């Protein structure tokens, strides 16, 4: 076996590993739900029971785990959760 043959097969194996890591990263996409009073500062959402008032008094948005990409623009709780369920469905859809 020569060195070129080994390098070719290592390169193929590396491409397969990178592809599998991409798939794993895509399947385990974590999302962050944030909320705010109209015009206020964004905070991570602690749950319905822990916010004061009704969820209709707040705006919500959905971000990726690193908080670098907006997955759902600011809107009502129902609208953002609908988008959340769509993302979850397509993550596990084959």
N, C-alpha and C. Protein backbone atom coordinates (compact mmCIF):
# COMPACT_ATOMS: atom_id res chain seq x y z
N UNK A 1 0.85 -1.18 0.00
CA UNK A 1 0.00 0.00 0.00
C UNK A 1 0.90 1.25 0.00
N UNK A 2 0.60 2.13 -0.89
CA UNK A 2 1.40 3.35 -0.94
C UNK A 2 0.70 4.48 -0.17
N UNK A 3 1.43 5.56 0.05
CA UNK A 3 0.94 6.68 0.84
C UNK A 3 -0.26 7.37 0.18
N UNK A 4 -0.25 7.44 -1.15
CA UNK A 4 -1.35 8.11 -1.85
C UNK A 4 -2.66 7.35 -1.65
N UNK A 5 -2.61 6.04 -1.69
CA UNK A 5 -3.78 5.20 -1.47
C UNK A 5 -4.35 5.44 -0.06
N UNK A 6 -3.47 5.49 0.92
CA UNK A 6 -3.89 5.71 2.31
C UNK A 6 -4.51 7.10 2.46
N UNK A 7 -3.90 8.12 1.86
CA UNK A 7 -4.43 9.48 1.95
C UNK A 7 -5.81 9.59 1.31
N UNK A 8 -6.01 8.92 0.20
CA UNK A 8 -7.32 8.96 -0.47
C UNK A 8 -8.39 8.37 0.45
N UNK A 9 -8.09 7.23 1.06
CA UNK A 9 -9.08 6.59 1.93
C UNK A 9 -9.30 7.36 3.23
N UNK A 10 -8.27 8.00 3.74
CA UNK A 10 -8.44 8.86 4.93
C UNK A 10 -9.32 10.05 4.60
N UNK A 11 -9.14 10.63 3.42
CA UNK A 11 -9.95 11.77 3.00
C UNK A 11 -11.42 11.37 2.87
N UNK A 12 -11.68 10.20 2.28
CA UNK A 12 -13.05 9.71 2.15
C UNK A 12 -13.68 9.49 3.53
N UNK A 13 -12.91 8.88 4.44
CA UNK A 13 -13.41 8.64 5.79
C UNK A 13 -13.70 9.95 6.51
N UNK A 14 -12.84 10.96 6.32
CA UNK A 14 -13.04 12.26 6.95
C UNK A 14 -14.31 12.93 6.45
N UNK A 15 -14.58 12.82 5.14
CA UNK A 15 -15.80 13.40 4.58
C UNK A 15 -17.04 12.74 5.18
N UNK A 16 -16.99 11.42 5.36
CA UNK A 16 -18.12 10.71 5.95
C UNK A 16 -18.36 11.14 7.39
N UNK A 17 -17.29 11.33 8.15
CA UNK A 17 -17.41 11.77 9.55
C UNK A 17 -17.98 13.18 9.61
N UNK A 18 -17.50 14.07 8.76
CA UNK A 18 -18.03 15.44 8.74
C UNK A 18 -19.52 15.44 8.42
N UNK A 19 -19.94 14.61 7.46
CA UNK A 19 -21.35 14.53 7.10
C UNK A 19 -22.19 14.02 8.27
N UNK A 20 -21.69 13.00 8.97
CA UNK A 20 -22.42 12.47 10.12
C UNK A 20 -22.51 13.49 11.24
N UNK A 21 -21.43 14.26 11.46
CA UNK A 21 -21.47 15.31 12.48
C UNK A 21 -22.49 16.38 12.12
N UNK A 22 -22.59 16.72 10.83
CA UNK A 22 -23.57 17.70 10.39
C UNK A 22 -24.98 17.20 10.68
N UNK A 23 -25.24 15.93 10.39
CA UNK A 23 -26.57 15.36 10.64
C UNK A 23 -26.87 15.35 12.13
N UNK A 24 -25.91 14.96 12.95
CA UNK A 24 -26.11 14.94 14.40
C UNK A 24 -26.37 16.35 14.91
N UNK A 25 -25.61 17.32 14.45
CA UNK A 25 -25.81 18.71 14.86
C UNK A 25 -27.19 19.19 14.46
N UNK A 26 -27.65 18.81 13.28
CA UNK A 26 -28.97 19.21 12.81
C UNK A 26 -30.09 18.56 13.65
N UNK A 27 -29.92 17.31 14.03
CA UNK A 27 -30.94 16.62 14.82
C UNK A 27 -31.05 17.17 16.23
N UNK A 28 -29.95 17.64 16.77
CA UNK A 28 -29.96 18.13 18.15
C UNK A 28 -29.93 19.65 18.22
N UNK A 29 -30.56 20.27 17.24
CA UNK A 29 -30.69 21.72 17.23
C UNK A 29 -31.47 22.15 18.47
N UNK A 30 -30.84 22.93 19.31
CA UNK A 30 -31.51 23.41 20.50
C UNK A 30 -31.99 24.83 20.24
N UNK A 31 -33.12 25.15 20.82
CA UNK A 31 -33.71 26.45 20.59
C UNK A 31 -33.95 27.16 21.92
N UNK A 32 -33.94 28.48 21.85
CA UNK A 32 -34.16 29.31 23.03
C UNK A 32 -35.39 30.17 22.76
N UNK A 33 -36.35 30.09 23.66
CA UNK A 33 -37.54 30.93 23.57
C UNK A 33 -37.32 32.14 24.46
N UNK A 34 -37.51 33.33 23.89
CA UNK A 34 -37.35 34.56 24.66
C UNK A 34 -38.66 35.34 24.66
N UNK A 35 -38.81 36.19 25.68
CA UNK A 35 -40.02 36.99 25.79
C UNK A 35 -39.66 38.38 26.26
N UNK A 36 -40.58 39.32 26.06
CA UNK A 36 -40.43 40.69 26.56
C UNK A 36 -41.77 41.37 26.56
N UNK A 37 -41.91 42.37 27.43
CA UNK A 37 -43.06 43.26 27.35
C UNK A 37 -42.88 44.07 26.08
N UNK A 38 -43.92 44.57 25.52
CA UNK A 38 -43.82 45.34 24.28
C UNK A 38 -42.79 46.46 24.43
N UNK A 39 -41.73 46.42 23.62
CA UNK A 39 -40.70 47.46 23.66
C UNK A 39 -39.66 47.27 24.74
N UNK A 40 -39.72 46.20 25.51
CA UNK A 40 -38.76 45.97 26.59
C UNK A 40 -37.54 45.17 26.15
N UNK A 41 -36.82 44.66 27.12
CA UNK A 41 -35.60 43.89 26.88
C UNK A 41 -35.94 42.40 26.76
N UNK A 42 -35.25 41.69 25.87
CA UNK A 42 -35.49 40.26 25.70
C UNK A 42 -34.90 39.47 26.86
N UNK A 43 -35.67 38.52 27.38
CA UNK A 43 -35.22 37.62 28.45
C UNK A 43 -35.55 36.19 28.06
N UNK A 44 -34.77 35.22 28.56
CA UNK A 44 -35.09 33.82 28.33
C UNK A 44 -36.40 33.48 29.03
N UNK A 45 -37.22 32.69 28.38
CA UNK A 45 -38.56 32.38 28.88
C UNK A 45 -38.48 31.31 29.97
N UNK A 46 -38.97 31.62 31.18
CA UNK A 46 -38.89 30.66 32.29
C UNK A 46 -40.07 29.69 32.36
N UNK A 47 -41.12 29.93 31.60
CA UNK A 47 -42.32 29.11 31.65
C UNK A 47 -43.54 29.95 31.96
N UNK A 48 -44.70 29.47 31.55
CA UNK A 48 -45.94 30.25 31.73
C UNK A 48 -46.22 30.58 33.19
N UNK A 49 -45.94 29.63 34.07
CA UNK A 49 -46.28 29.82 35.48
C UNK A 49 -45.41 30.88 36.15
N UNK A 50 -44.24 31.17 35.59
CA UNK A 50 -43.30 32.07 36.26
C UNK A 50 -43.31 33.50 35.74
N UNK A 51 -44.14 33.80 34.73
CA UNK A 51 -44.23 35.19 34.28
C UNK A 51 -45.48 35.81 34.87
N UNK A 52 -45.39 37.10 35.15
CA UNK A 52 -46.55 37.78 35.72
C UNK A 52 -47.49 38.21 34.60
N UNK A 53 -48.75 37.97 34.77
CA UNK A 53 -49.73 38.36 33.77
C UNK A 53 -49.98 37.28 32.75
N UNK A 54 -50.64 37.67 31.70
CA UNK A 54 -51.06 36.76 30.64
C UNK A 54 -50.00 36.73 29.54
N UNK A 55 -49.86 35.61 28.85
CA UNK A 55 -48.88 35.54 27.76
C UNK A 55 -49.24 36.47 26.60
N UNK A 56 -50.48 36.88 26.53
CA UNK A 56 -50.89 37.81 25.47
C UNK A 56 -50.31 39.20 25.67
N UNK A 57 -49.80 39.50 26.87
CA UNK A 57 -49.20 40.80 27.15
C UNK A 57 -47.74 40.87 26.72
N UNK A 58 -47.19 39.79 26.20
CA UNK A 58 -45.77 39.71 25.88
C UNK A 58 -45.56 39.38 24.40
N UNK A 59 -44.36 39.71 23.92
CA UNK A 59 -43.89 39.28 22.60
C UNK A 59 -42.93 38.12 22.81
N UNK A 60 -42.88 37.21 21.87
CA UNK A 60 -41.99 36.06 21.95
C UNK A 60 -41.19 35.95 20.67
N UNK A 61 -40.02 35.31 20.77
CA UNK A 61 -39.23 34.98 19.59
C UNK A 61 -38.45 33.71 19.87
N UNK A 62 -37.99 33.06 18.81
CA UNK A 62 -37.28 31.80 18.92
C UNK A 62 -35.90 31.97 18.29
N UNK A 63 -34.86 31.58 19.04
CA UNK A 63 -33.48 31.69 18.58
C UNK A 63 -32.80 30.33 18.63
N UNK A 64 -31.68 30.20 17.92
CA UNK A 64 -30.89 28.99 18.08
C UNK A 64 -30.18 29.04 19.43
N UNK A 65 -29.54 27.94 19.83
CA UNK A 65 -28.94 27.86 21.16
C UNK A 65 -27.87 28.93 21.39
N UNK A 66 -27.09 29.25 20.37
CA UNK A 66 -26.03 30.26 20.50
C UNK A 66 -26.58 31.69 20.45
N UNK A 67 -27.87 31.81 20.18
CA UNK A 67 -28.56 33.10 20.09
C UNK A 67 -27.99 33.98 18.98
N UNK A 68 -27.58 33.34 17.88
CA UNK A 68 -27.04 34.09 16.76
C UNK A 68 -28.01 34.16 15.59
N UNK A 69 -28.99 33.24 15.52
CA UNK A 69 -29.96 33.23 14.43
C UNK A 69 -31.37 33.27 14.99
N UNK A 70 -32.19 34.10 14.39
CA UNK A 70 -33.60 34.17 14.77
C UNK A 70 -34.35 33.12 13.95
N UNK A 71 -34.96 32.16 14.64
CA UNK A 71 -35.70 31.10 13.97
C UNK A 71 -37.16 31.46 13.78
N UNK A 72 -37.68 32.33 14.63
CA UNK A 72 -39.05 32.83 14.50
C UNK A 72 -39.05 34.28 14.96
N UNK A 73 -39.51 35.16 14.10
CA UNK A 73 -39.55 36.59 14.42
C UNK A 73 -40.48 36.86 15.60
N UNK A 74 -40.36 38.03 16.17
CA UNK A 74 -41.19 38.42 17.31
C UNK A 74 -42.67 38.34 16.93
N UNK A 75 -43.44 37.73 17.82
CA UNK A 75 -44.87 37.59 17.58
C UNK A 75 -45.55 37.04 18.82
N UNK A 76 -46.77 36.61 18.65
CA UNK A 76 -47.54 36.08 19.78
C UNK A 76 -46.99 34.71 20.19
N UNK A 77 -47.35 34.28 21.38
CA UNK A 77 -46.90 32.98 21.89
C UNK A 77 -47.35 31.85 20.97
N UNK A 78 -48.60 31.90 20.52
CA UNK A 78 -49.13 30.84 19.66
C UNK A 78 -48.39 30.78 18.33
N UNK A 79 -48.09 31.94 17.74
CA UNK A 79 -47.41 31.99 16.45
C UNK A 79 -45.99 31.42 16.56
N UNK A 80 -45.27 31.79 17.62
CA UNK A 80 -43.90 31.32 17.80
C UNK A 80 -43.87 29.82 18.13
N UNK A 81 -44.82 29.37 18.94
CA UNK A 81 -44.87 27.95 19.27
C UNK A 81 -45.27 27.10 18.06
N UNK A 82 -46.07 27.67 17.17
CA UNK A 82 -46.40 26.96 15.94
C UNK A 82 -45.14 26.74 15.11
N UNK A 83 -44.29 27.75 15.01
CA UNK A 83 -43.02 27.63 14.29
C UNK A 83 -42.09 26.63 15.00
N UNK A 84 -42.08 26.64 16.33
CA UNK A 84 -41.28 25.69 17.11
C UNK A 84 -41.69 24.25 16.77
N UNK A 85 -42.99 23.99 16.74
CA UNK A 85 -43.47 22.65 16.42
C UNK A 85 -43.14 22.24 14.99
N UNK A 86 -43.16 23.20 14.06
CA UNK A 86 -42.77 22.91 12.68
C UNK A 86 -41.31 22.48 12.61
N UNK A 87 -40.45 23.21 13.31
CA UNK A 87 -39.02 22.87 13.31
C UNK A 87 -38.80 21.51 13.94
N UNK A 88 -39.45 21.23 15.06
CA UNK A 88 -39.32 19.93 15.71
C UNK A 88 -39.80 18.80 14.80
N UNK A 89 -40.90 19.02 14.09
CA UNK A 89 -41.42 17.99 13.20
C UNK A 89 -40.41 17.67 12.09
N UNK A 90 -39.86 18.70 11.45
CA UNK A 90 -38.97 18.46 10.34
C UNK A 90 -37.60 17.97 10.78
N UNK A 91 -37.24 18.20 12.03
CA UNK A 91 -35.98 17.61 12.55
C UNK A 91 -36.06 16.10 12.58
N UNK A 92 -37.24 15.58 12.90
CA UNK A 92 -37.41 14.13 13.05
C UNK A 92 -38.09 13.48 11.86
N UNK A 93 -38.44 14.30 10.85
CA UNK A 93 -39.10 13.78 9.65
C UNK A 93 -38.07 13.08 8.78
N UNK A 94 -38.42 11.93 8.26
CA UNK A 94 -37.46 11.18 7.42
C UNK A 94 -37.83 11.25 5.98
